[in-house]
């Protein structure tokens, strides 16, 4: 499977075929375009465009070049458009967007939402680069390397959630974001896990209000997805402790296949092949392939 990170073109590599392009002014239209182009959104508040916004890019020799103004430089505009869908959002839209996240996000997330820094969002307007260190000059090359994701891998789940927000669309998008971490660099992985958790928390709220059968089983599936994060964070021992604690609290029979996948992957990650073999027969061939990627991650 191809790696789902876009390798940046350095500013010195621009050719005459690239031309400056105006940033979008509607987040809603930018979201639709990002969905079609399988890109993330590069968003700033309009107020940040009222003054020079210097940034840096790295050339092919590894030297950093200062760009005096992110919003007017004709060289950097094509670079951003190639990797993201850039949009400037009016301050008049602040309250509308803030009310969507009020009481639902961490203080770090709200701080990132409020400040003048560059925000990398998915097509649903959720911020990926929360908590990133903000230096005096933001590094555009670094932002591209870390966050210019090709979202083709999760396009179906993004589209399903975008068009019909429900428990299942939120849950499967949360799950797919975790899978996406297997194809990204390590420092991006924790950001994607945080983004996954936004949808997972939403799924847990939606299951309470929707007319669904087996709600307790669905909530338990959410708990199992949550502890799967420990495998991606290279903490298989923590996963085993959490899984055994869940088993003591209630039956996991309705999610037997998921439980088997977690046990098998955790034991294999720890080199405990004998224990892992007890669970292997209950793991699907598709999940065995995913387990192999996670195991390699933990070795």
Foldseek 3Di string as FASTA:
>chain_A
DDFFADQFDFLVPDDPVFWADAAAADLLVQLVVCLVQQWWEWEFEPVLQPDAAKAWEAHPVRDIDIDRHCRPDTSCRRRCVVQHRYYYYYPVCLVVVCVVCVPQDDPQQVVVSPDGDIFTGHSVRRTQCGPDDDDSHHYPNVCSQQGSGRNPQCSVLVVCCVVDPALVSLLVSLLSLQLSLLSHDLVSNVSSNVVSVSSLVVSLVRLVVDPDPPSVLSVVVSVLSNLVVCLVVLNLVSSVVSLVVVVVVDPNVVVLQSSLLSQLLSCVLVVNNVSNVVSVVSYDPVSVVSSVSSSVVND
